[in-house]
Protein backbone atom coordinates (compact mmCIF):
# COMPACT_ATOMS: atom_id res chain seq x y z
CA MET A 1 11.59 -22.59 -18.58
CA SER A 2 8.29 -22.48 -16.85
CA LYS A 3 5.94 -20.46 -17.82
CA PRO A 4 4.72 -17.90 -15.70
CA SER A 5 1.23 -18.03 -14.71
CA GLU A 6 -1.25 -15.61 -16.24
CA ARG A 7 -3.03 -12.95 -14.06
CA ILE A 8 -6.52 -13.14 -12.63
CA ARG A 9 -6.96 -9.79 -11.49
CA PRO A 10 -5.20 -6.68 -11.76
CA PRO A 11 -2.83 -5.77 -8.94
CA LEU A 12 -4.55 -4.44 -5.44
CA ALA A 13 -2.05 -1.83 -5.62
CA ILE A 14 0.97 -0.66 -7.51
CA ASN A 15 2.58 0.20 -3.85
CA PRO A 16 3.27 -1.62 -0.55
CA LEU A 17 -0.31 -1.88 1.07
CA ASP A 18 -0.58 0.46 3.91
CA LEU A 19 -2.22 -1.93 6.37
CA PRO A 20 -3.14 -0.73 10.00
CA SER A 21 -1.40 -2.10 12.62
CA HIS A 22 -4.43 -3.52 14.36
CA CYS A 23 -6.06 -6.52 12.91
CA ASP A 24 -9.95 -5.39 11.43
CA ILE A 25 -10.79 -9.32 11.91
CA CYS A 26 -9.92 -10.23 15.25
CA GLY A 27 -8.58 -6.64 16.99
CA LEU A 28 -5.10 -7.87 18.12
CA ALA A 29 -1.71 -6.33 16.78
CA ARG A 30 -0.65 -8.08 13.48
CA SER A 31 2.99 -7.95 14.88
CA THR A 32 2.21 -10.28 18.27
CA GLN A 33 0.19 -13.23 16.83
CA LYS A 34 -0.01 -15.07 13.09
CA HIS A 35 -2.89 -13.77 11.24
CA GLN A 36 -3.94 -17.07 9.19
CA LYS A 37 -7.32 -17.41 9.58
CA CYS A 38 -8.07 -13.61 9.72
CA SER A 39 -5.73 -13.37 6.81
CA ARG A 40 -7.84 -15.97 4.82
CA THR A 41 -11.11 -14.63 5.95
CA ARG A 42 -10.04 -11.07 4.38
CA GLN A 43 -9.09 -12.32 1.27
CA ALA A 44 -12.53 -14.33 0.93
CA ARG A 45 -13.87 -10.72 1.22
CA LYS A 46 -11.59 -9.32 -1.32
CA ASN A 47 -12.43 -12.33 -4.04
CA ALA A 48 -16.41 -11.43 -3.29
CA GLU A 49 -15.44 -7.90 -3.67
CA TRP A 50 -13.38 -8.17 -7.03
CA ASP A 51 -15.97 -10.53 -8.73
CA ILE A 52 -18.63 -7.89 -8.28
CA ARG A 53 -15.56 -5.87 -9.71
CA LEU A 54 -14.80 -7.49 -12.32
CA ALA A 55 -18.21 -8.25 -13.58
CA GLU A 56 -19.10 -4.45 -13.69
CA VAL A 57 -15.89 -3.28 -16.01
CA ALA A 58 -17.64 -6.68 -18.53
CA ALA A 59 -20.72 -5.46 -18.66
CA ALA A 60 -19.16 -2.01 -19.89
CA ARG A 61 -17.36 -3.36 -21.74
CA ALA A 62 -19.60 -5.34 -23.24
CA ALA A 63 -22.08 -2.18 -23.13
CA ARG A 64 -19.44 -0.06 -24.98
CA GLU A 65 -19.84 0.77 -28.75
CA LYS A 66 -17.06 -1.10 -31.34
CA ARG A 67 -14.85 1.08 -32.95
CA TYR A 68 -13.67 -1.38 -35.97
CA VAL A 69 -16.51 -4.01 -36.27
CA ARG A 70 -15.77 -5.93 -38.93
């Protein structure tokens, strides 16, 4: 059996994403065209946002007082 891959970051949403019917990158309807370029652009933006968010969480975790210090 293959080992499941570990998540690098938490999921964006528990429920399905509520995306608008029009693409926020090109402005066209999502249902009429393939939006692979738009999707890549959006993922790159979200990756940058997630990197910032995870760095903030790590800094807060490092600054927090340890409960059980050995």
